[in-house]
Amino acid sequence: MRQVLQTGVQTQLMIKLYLQWAFVESNKNELMGKEAEVASKNKELMFKEMSYRELFLFPEQIKSNFLEGLTMFCSYIVGGSISLLAYFLFSIPQAIILSIVFALSGLFLLGVVTSRFTKLGWWKLGARMLFLGALSASVGYVIGQVANNFR
């Protein structure tokens, strides 16, 4: 029953996405409904369609796990180095503020670079990455302050 319900919800989402991308105006509701129904019966096709239509990703372009892991490793090293750079160049009080500025700037740039691999706008992805990074850092800071009060 749950699988049927989930497939129905996915089918409705596919219809909505197809209608959003449809170029044919005549009978587009009927045509897109049929397209979504066909896609919902094939799990692999549904995955590809949802990846492309909803996330703007192309599953065929996914490379090897090793290459993906190496890319992530290098990204963490470069991203962490951006924040640490301020501590090598400035005094501690100045470095704290500059480190935050460097980190947030790096997050925005990461979002901009990410936009090259999707169809979403660079400004929107940059702002999203900046917001999520700032939110994560704020939550981490608050948890650290709360934990520090219990020592």
Protein backbone atom coordinates (compact mmCIF):
# COMPACT_ATOMS: atom_id res chain seq x y z
CA MET A 1 0.00 0.00 0.00
CA ARG A 2 2.81 2.39 0.91
CA GLN A 3 4.58 1.69 -2.42
CA VAL A 4 1.36 2.45 -4.32
CA LEU A 5 0.89 5.69 -2.37
CA GLN A 6 4.50 6.70 -2.93
CA THR A 7 4.28 5.92 -6.66
CA GLY A 8 1.08 7.98 -6.88
CA VAL A 9 2.73 10.95 -5.22
CA GLN A 10 5.77 10.59 -7.46
CA THR A 11 3.53 10.37 -10.52
CA GLN A 12 1.71 13.57 -9.52
CA LEU A 13 5.06 15.31 -9.01
CA MET A 14 6.23 14.11 -12.42
CA ILE A 15 3.05 15.47 -14.03
CA LYS A 16 3.69 18.82 -12.38
CA LEU A 17 7.31 18.84 -13.54
CA TYR A 18 6.36 17.78 -17.09
CA LEU A 19 3.74 20.50 -17.28
CA GLN A 20 6.30 23.01 -16.14
CA TRP A 21 8.68 21.97 -18.92
CA ALA A 22 6.11 21.24 -21.63
CA PHE A 23 6.45 22.99 -24.95
CA VAL A 24 3.23 21.67 -26.47
CA GLU A 25 0.19 23.68 -25.43
CA SER A 26 -2.58 21.58 -26.98
CA ASN A 27 -3.59 18.60 -24.81
CA LYS A 28 -0.52 19.04 -22.64
CA ASN A 29 -2.32 17.87 -19.46
CA GLU A 30 -3.28 14.59 -21.09
CA LEU A 31 0.09 14.07 -22.77
CA MET A 32 2.11 14.87 -19.67
CA GLY A 33 -0.12 12.64 -17.55
CA LYS A 34 0.63 9.73 -19.87
CA GLU A 35 4.35 10.50 -19.81
CA ALA A 36 4.38 10.56 -16.01
CA GLU A 37 2.39 7.32 -15.84
CA VAL A 38 4.88 5.55 -18.10
CA ALA A 39 7.85 6.89 -16.12
CA SER A 40 6.32 5.85 -12.80
CA LYS A 41 6.17 2.19 -13.91
CA ASN A 42 9.91 2.03 -14.53
CA LYS A 43 11.99 2.81 -11.41
CA GLU A 44 15.18 3.55 -13.33
CA LEU A 45 13.39 5.90 -15.73
CA MET A 46 11.62 7.58 -12.79
CA PHE A 47 14.96 8.13 -11.05
CA LYS A 48 16.50 9.66 -14.17
CA GLU A 49 13.50 11.87 -14.84
CA MET A 50 13.29 13.09 -11.24
CA SER A 51 17.04 13.74 -11.15
CA TYR A 52 16.87 15.76 -14.30
CA ARG A 53 13.53 17.54 -13.94
CA GLU A 54 13.65 18.30 -10.22
CA LEU A 55 17.37 18.54 -9.37
CA PHE A 56 18.77 19.37 -12.82
CA LEU A 57 21.31 16.56 -12.48
CA PHE A 58 22.33 14.06 -15.12
CA PRO A 59 22.88 10.59 -13.58
CA GLU A 60 24.92 9.49 -16.60
CA GLN A 61 27.58 12.05 -15.74
CA ILE A 62 28.36 10.57 -12.30
CA LYS A 63 31.97 9.40 -12.27
CA SER A 64 33.77 6.80 -10.17
CA ASN A 65 33.54 6.75 -6.40
CA PHE A 66 37.30 7.16 -6.07
CA LEU A 67 37.34 10.30 -8.20
CA GLU A 68 34.34 11.71 -6.33
CA GLY A 69 36.04 10.98 -2.98
CA LEU A 70 39.31 12.55 -4.11
CA THR A 71 37.43 15.65 -5.24
CA MET A 72 35.71 15.90 -1.85
CA PHE A 73 39.04 15.46 -0.02
CA CYS A 74 40.67 18.25 -2.03
CA SER A 75 37.62 20.45 -1.54
CA TYR A 76 37.80 20.04 2.25
CA ILE A 77 41.53 20.87 2.27
CA VAL A 78 41.10 23.98 0.12
CA GLY A 79 37.95 25.08 1.95
CA GLY A 80 39.55 24.67 5.37
CA SER A 81 42.70 26.46 4.25
CA ILE A 82 40.69 29.53 3.26
CA SER A 83 39.54 30.05 6.85
CA LEU A 84 42.94 29.26 8.37
CA LEU A 85 44.77 31.66 6.08
CA ALA A 86 43.75 34.66 8.20
CA TYR A 87 45.50 33.23 11.28
CA PHE A 88 48.83 33.15 9.45
CA LEU A 89 48.56 36.74 8.23
CA PHE A 90 46.90 38.71 11.04
CA SER A 91 46.69 38.96 14.82
CA ILE A 92 44.18 36.71 16.60
CA PRO A 93 41.39 39.33 17.11
CA GLN A 94 41.57 40.38 13.48
CA ALA A 95 41.99 36.81 12.27
CA ILE A 96 38.76 35.65 13.92
CA ILE A 97 36.67 38.18 12.01
CA LEU A 98 38.58 37.70 8.75
CA SER A 99 38.33 33.93 9.09
CA ILE A 100 34.55 34.20 9.27
CA VAL A 101 34.50 36.56 6.27
CA PHE A 102 36.83 34.26 4.29
CA ALA A 103 34.75 31.18 5.15
CA LEU A 104 31.46 32.81 4.13
CA SER A 105 33.01 34.17 0.95
CA GLY A 106 34.36 30.71 0.17
CA LEU A 107 30.91 29.20 0.68
CA PHE A 108 29.38 31.72 -1.69
CA LEU A 109 32.06 30.96 -4.29
CA LEU A 110 31.46 27.24 -3.83
CA GLY A 111 27.78 27.82 -4.62
CA VAL A 112 28.74 29.83 -7.69
CA VAL A 113 31.04 27.05 -8.92
CA THR A 114 28.29 24.49 -8.26
CA SER A 115 25.98 26.42 -10.58
CA ARG A 116 28.22 25.48 -13.50
CA PHE A 117 27.02 21.87 -13.13
CA THR A 118 23.30 22.63 -12.89
CA LYS A 119 20.80 24.82 -14.68
CA LEU A 120 20.15 26.95 -11.61
CA GLY A 121 21.40 30.53 -11.43
CA TRP A 122 24.82 31.30 -9.93
CA TRP A 123 23.44 33.99 -7.64
CA LYS A 124 20.74 31.71 -6.24
CA LEU A 125 23.10 28.79 -5.60
CA GLY A 126 25.76 31.08 -4.13
CA ALA A 127 23.23 32.63 -1.76
CA ARG A 128 21.84 29.20 -0.81
CA MET A 129 25.29 27.85 0.03
CA LEU A 130 26.12 31.01 1.99
CA PHE A 131 22.88 30.80 3.96
CA LEU A 132 23.22 27.09 4.75
CA GLY A 133 26.87 27.48 5.76
CA ALA A 134 26.12 30.48 7.97
CA LEU A 135 23.19 28.64 9.54
CA SER A 136 25.33 25.55 10.21
CA ALA A 137 28.11 27.64 11.72
CA SER A 138 25.64 29.53 13.90
CA VAL A 139 24.07 26.33 15.20
CA GLY A 140 27.53 24.92 15.93
CA TYR A 141 28.51 28.10 17.76
CA VAL A 142 25.36 28.09 19.89
CA ILE A 143 25.79 24.41 20.78
CA GLY A 144 29.42 25.11 21.72
CA GLN A 145 28.39 27.99 23.97
CA VAL A 146 25.70 25.88 25.66
CA ALA A 147 28.15 23.03 26.17
CA ASN A 148 30.73 25.45 27.56
CA ASN A 149 28.23 26.61 30.22
CA PHE A 150 27.92 23.05 31.56
CA ARG A 151 31.64 22.64 32.35
